[in-house]
Amino acid sequence: MNPHTLTLPKALVTLLAGALFGFGLSLATMVQPEVVIGFLQFKDWGLMLVMGGAAGLAMLAYKGFPRWFSRPLLGGQFLTQPASWNRQTVIGSAIFGVGWGLSGVCPGPAIAALGTGNTDILWALGGIVLGGLAHGLTTRD
């Protein structure tokens, strides 16, 4: 069986994880661009705790799960994605950072913000989509 095959349990777990992620972003006020901009201007340190906790938990899961379990709970195998620094990575990171700093929005919280009724966020989502499209058109495999 192909590990990338979508089954009902995988779809339900994915839906639950996405809903939990969106709820967490909303609870942490990361769906409010003005709060994020306050964090980026070092005026609001609350999001530092949220982001630090999330990064710590993700690192624990990323490093720990392959040691604690012989295989993922829903099948397949644990994989690692090799990372490399190159010109495109640096340029893309800089563009992402500038966009995040100017708008106070990054992709996950932007989508979660739609769930709160913030339709102004559609402008930022449009920019995110255009940036992804530009990346896809200019990147060679």
C-alpha atoms as a PDB file:
ATOM      1  CA  MET A   1       0.000   0.000   0.000  1.00  0.00           C
ATOM      2  CA  ASN A   2       1.294   3.431  -0.942  1.00  0.00           C
ATOM      3  CA  PRO A   3       2.113   5.429   2.252  1.00  0.00           C
ATOM      4  CA  HIS A   4       0.720   8.562   0.575  1.00  0.00           C
ATOM      5  CA  THR A   5      -2.700   6.983  -0.024  1.00  0.00           C
ATOM      6  CA  LEU A   6      -5.393   9.009   1.700  1.00  0.00           C
ATOM      7  CA  THR A   7      -7.587   6.855   3.906  1.00  0.00           C
ATOM      8  CA  LEU A   8     -10.504   7.904   6.079  1.00  0.00           C
ATOM      9  CA  PRO A   9      -8.458   7.681   9.317  1.00  0.00           C
ATOM     10  CA  LYS A  10      -5.674   9.798   7.787  1.00  0.00           C
ATOM     11  CA  ALA A  11      -8.194  12.348   6.501  1.00  0.00           C
ATOM     12  CA  LEU A  12      -9.889  12.595   9.909  1.00  0.00           C
ATOM     13  CA  VAL A  13      -6.587  12.959  11.756  1.00  0.00           C
ATOM     14  CA  THR A  14      -5.487  15.623   9.252  1.00  0.00           C
ATOM     15  CA  LEU A  15      -8.765  17.496   9.713  1.00  0.00           C
ATOM     16  CA  LEU A  16      -8.498  17.275  13.503  1.00  0.00           C
ATOM     17  CA  ALA A  17      -4.857  18.426  13.469  1.00  0.00           C
ATOM     18  CA  GLY A  18      -5.703  21.379  11.218  1.00  0.00           C
ATOM     19  CA  ALA A  19      -8.650  22.392  13.394  1.00  0.00           C
ATOM     20  CA  LEU A  20      -6.522  22.133  16.532  1.00  0.00           C
ATOM     21  CA  PHE A  21      -3.760  24.177  14.897  1.00  0.00           C
ATOM     22  CA  GLY A  22      -6.208  26.877  13.794  1.00  0.00           C
ATOM     23  CA  PHE A  23      -7.812  26.962  17.249  1.00  0.00           C
ATOM     24  CA  GLY A  24      -4.393  27.321  18.861  1.00  0.00           C
ATOM     25  CA  LEU A  25      -3.419  30.160  16.526  1.00  0.00           C
ATOM     26  CA  SER A  26      -6.679  31.926  17.293  1.00  0.00           C
ATOM     27  CA  LEU A  27      -6.349  31.383  21.045  1.00  0.00           C
ATOM     28  CA  ALA A  28      -2.787  32.743  20.928  1.00  0.00           C
ATOM     29  CA  THR A  29      -4.052  35.808  18.987  1.00  0.00           C
ATOM     30  CA  MET A  30      -1.701  35.068  16.090  1.00  0.00           C
ATOM     31  CA  VAL A  31      -4.645  35.651  13.749  1.00  0.00           C
ATOM     32  CA  GLN A  32      -4.584  39.369  14.614  1.00  0.00           C
ATOM     33  CA  PRO A  33      -1.953  41.108  12.455  1.00  0.00           C
ATOM     34  CA  GLU A  34      -1.646  44.024  14.894  1.00  0.00           C
ATOM     35  CA  VAL A  35      -0.651  41.603  17.687  1.00  0.00           C
ATOM     36  CA  VAL A  36       1.952  39.949  15.443  1.00  0.00           C
ATOM     37  CA  ILE A  37       3.370  43.329  14.405  1.00  0.00           C
ATOM     38  CA  GLY A  38       3.602  44.279  18.096  1.00  0.00           C
ATOM     39  CA  PHE A  39       5.583  41.079  18.670  1.00  0.00           C
ATOM     40  CA  LEU A  40       7.881  41.818  15.718  1.00  0.00           C
ATOM     41  CA  GLN A  41       8.479  45.324  17.106  1.00  0.00           C
ATOM     42  CA  PHE A  42       9.437  43.787  20.501  1.00  0.00           C
ATOM     43  CA  LYS A  43       6.415  45.407  22.186  1.00  0.00           C
ATOM     44  CA  ASP A  44       4.506  42.175  22.927  1.00  0.00           C
ATOM     45  CA  TRP A  45       6.468  39.216  24.273  1.00  0.00           C
ATOM     46  CA  GLY A  46       3.455  36.906  24.677  1.00  0.00           C
ATOM     47  CA  LEU A  47       3.833  35.470  21.203  1.00  0.00           C
ATOM     48  CA  MET A  48       7.481  34.668  21.921  1.00  0.00           C
ATOM     49  CA  LEU A  49       6.292  32.197  24.563  1.00  0.00           C
ATOM     50  CA  VAL A  50       3.718  30.733  22.179  1.00  0.00           C
ATOM     51  CA  MET A  51       6.196  30.359  19.318  1.00  0.00           C
ATOM     52  CA  GLY A  52       8.936  29.032  21.594  1.00  0.00           C
ATOM     53  CA  GLY A  53       6.586  26.452  23.080  1.00  0.00           C
ATOM     54  CA  ALA A  54       5.383  25.381  19.645  1.00  0.00           C
ATOM     55  CA  ALA A  55       8.931  25.087  18.288  1.00  0.00           C
ATOM     56  CA  GLY A  56      10.039  23.102  21.344  1.00  0.00           C
ATOM     57  CA  LEU A  57       7.110  20.706  21.075  1.00  0.00           C
ATOM     58  CA  ALA A  58       7.644  20.263  17.334  1.00  0.00           C
ATOM     59  CA  MET A  59      11.342  19.518  17.880  1.00  0.00           C
ATOM     60  CA  LEU A  60      10.503  17.005  20.597  1.00  0.00           C
ATOM     61  CA  ALA A  61       8.008  15.240  18.306  1.00  0.00           C
ATOM     62  CA  TYR A  62      10.309  15.392  15.253  1.00  0.00           C
ATOM     63  CA  LYS A  63      13.252  13.897  17.129  1.00  0.00           C
ATOM     64  CA  GLY A  64      11.356  11.738  19.610  1.00  0.00           C
ATOM     65  CA  PHE A  65       8.665   9.972  17.604  1.00  0.00           C
ATOM     66  CA  PRO A  66      11.109   7.949  15.466  1.00  0.00           C
ATOM     67  CA  ARG A  67      12.793   6.778  18.690  1.00  0.00           C
ATOM     68  CA  TRP A  68       9.576   5.994  20.552  1.00  0.00           C
ATOM     69  CA  PHE A  69       7.627   4.326  17.730  1.00  0.00           C
ATOM     70  CA  SER A  70       8.814   1.829  15.138  1.00  0.00           C
ATOM     71  CA  ARG A  71       6.598   3.450  12.483  1.00  0.00           C
ATOM     72  CA  PRO A  72       4.046   6.292  12.251  1.00  0.00           C
ATOM     73  CA  LEU A  73       0.707   5.483  13.880  1.00  0.00           C
ATOM     74  CA  LEU A  74      -1.187   5.660  10.585  1.00  0.00           C
ATOM     75  CA  GLY A  75       1.352   3.717   8.511  1.00  0.00           C
ATOM     76  CA  GLY A  76       4.254   4.587   6.277  1.00  0.00           C
ATOM     77  CA  GLN A  77       7.708   5.386   7.583  1.00  0.00           C
ATOM     78  CA  PHE A  78       9.483   8.252   9.274  1.00  0.00           C
ATOM     79  CA  LEU A  79      11.391  10.372   6.764  1.00  0.00           C
ATOM     80  CA  THR A  80      13.740  13.313   7.045  1.00  0.00           C
ATOM     81  CA  GLN A  81      13.949  16.174   4.610  1.00  0.00           C
ATOM     82  CA  PRO A  82      17.529  17.231   3.908  1.00  0.00           C
ATOM     83  CA  ALA A  83      17.943  20.983   4.179  1.00  0.00           C
ATOM     84  CA  SER A  84      20.485  23.048   2.337  1.00  0.00           C
ATOM     85  CA  TRP A  85      21.249  26.739   2.243  1.00  0.00           C
ATOM     86  CA  ASN A  86      21.471  28.269  -1.169  1.00  0.00           C
ATOM     87  CA  ARG A  87      20.747  31.572  -2.862  1.00  0.00           C
ATOM     88  CA  GLN A  88      17.049  30.794  -3.412  1.00  0.00           C
ATOM     89  CA  THR A  89      16.574  29.833   0.243  1.00  0.00           C
ATOM     90  CA  VAL A  90      18.112  33.084   1.459  1.00  0.00           C
ATOM     91  CA  ILE A  91      16.155  35.249  -0.999  1.00  0.00           C
ATOM     92  CA  GLY A  92      12.895  33.430  -0.286  1.00  0.00           C
ATOM     93  CA  SER A  93      13.428  33.736   3.469  1.00  0.00           C
ATOM     94  CA  ALA A  94      14.104  37.450   3.144  1.00  0.00           C
ATOM     95  CA  ILE A  95      10.993  38.021   1.032  1.00  0.00           C
ATOM     96  CA  PHE A  96       8.896  36.008   3.506  1.00  0.00           C
ATOM     97  CA  GLY A  97      10.324  37.980   6.436  1.00  0.00           C
ATOM     98  CA  VAL A  98       9.684  41.349   4.820  1.00  0.00           C
ATOM     99  CA  GLY A  99       6.129  40.347   3.927  1.00  0.00           C
ATOM    100  CA  TRP A 100       5.513  39.049   7.453  1.00  0.00           C
ATOM    101  CA  GLY A 101       6.928  42.218   8.980  1.00  0.00           C
ATOM    102  CA  LEU A 102       4.908  44.551   6.784  1.00  0.00           C
ATOM    103  CA  SER A 103       1.599  42.713   7.051  1.00  0.00           C
ATOM    104  CA  GLY A 104       1.820  40.816  10.342  1.00  0.00           C
ATOM    105  CA  VAL A 105       0.529  37.759   8.511  1.00  0.00           C
ATOM    106  CA  CYS A 106       2.014  34.381   7.642  1.00  0.00           C
ATOM    107  CA  PRO A 107       0.184  31.543   5.851  1.00  0.00           C
ATOM    108  CA  GLY A 108      -1.134  29.446   8.751  1.00  0.00           C
ATOM    109  CA  PRO A 109      -2.573  32.306  10.799  1.00  0.00           C
ATOM    110  CA  ALA A 110      -3.912  33.945   7.616  1.00  0.00           C
ATOM    111  CA  ILE A 111      -6.057  30.916   6.850  1.00  0.00           C
ATOM    112  CA  ALA A 112      -7.108  30.637  10.510  1.00  0.00           C
ATOM    113  CA  ALA A 113      -8.025  34.353  10.489  1.00  0.00           C
ATOM    114  CA  LEU A 114     -10.600  33.667   7.781  1.00  0.00           C
ATOM    115  CA  GLY A 115     -12.353  31.454  10.313  1.00  0.00           C
ATOM    116  CA  THR A 116     -12.662  34.435  12.649  1.00  0.00           C
ATOM    117  CA  GLY A 117     -14.439  36.449   9.958  1.00  0.00           C
ATOM    118  CA  ASN A 118     -11.471  38.686   9.107  1.00  0.00           C
ATOM    119  CA  THR A 119     -12.037  39.142   5.376  1.00  0.00           C
ATOM    120  CA  ASP A 120      -9.389  41.899   5.127  1.00  0.00           C
ATOM    121  CA  ILE A 121      -6.884  39.062   5.389  1.00  0.00           C
ATOM    122  CA  LEU A 122      -7.786  38.083   1.805  1.00  0.00           C
ATOM    123  CA  TRP A 123      -5.330  40.740   0.595  1.00  0.00           C
ATOM    124  CA  ALA A 124      -2.493  39.031   2.459  1.00  0.00           C
ATOM    125  CA  LEU A 125      -3.620  35.603   1.248  1.00  0.00           C
ATOM    126  CA  GLY A 126      -3.586  36.940  -2.309  1.00  0.00           C
ATOM    127  CA  GLY A 127       0.019  38.013  -1.820  1.00  0.00           C
ATOM    128  CA  ILE A 128       0.911  34.617  -0.366  1.00  0.00           C
ATOM    129  CA  VAL A 129      -0.658  32.858  -3.368  1.00  0.00           C
ATOM    130  CA  LEU A 130       1.128  35.159  -5.833  1.00  0.00           C
ATOM    131  CA  GLY A 131       4.428  34.588  -4.047  1.00  0.00           C
ATOM    132  CA  GLY A 132       3.940  30.830  -4.211  1.00  0.00           C
ATOM    133  CA  LEU A 133       3.034  31.063  -7.878  1.00  0.00           C
ATOM    134  CA  ALA A 134       6.107  33.199  -8.616  1.00  0.00           C
ATOM    135  CA  HIS A 135       8.273  30.674  -6.773  1.00  0.00           C
ATOM    136  CA  GLY A 136       6.784  27.798  -8.739  1.00  0.00           C
ATOM    137  CA  LEU A 137       7.315  29.564 -12.047  1.00  0.00           C
ATOM    138  CA  THR A 138      10.933  30.502 -11.321  1.00  0.00           C
ATOM    139  CA  THR A 139      12.156  27.333  -9.617  1.00  0.00           C
ATOM    140  CA  ARG A 140      13.781  24.604 -11.638  1.00  0.00           C
ATOM    141  CA  ASP A 141      13.957  21.013 -10.411  1.00  0.00           C
END
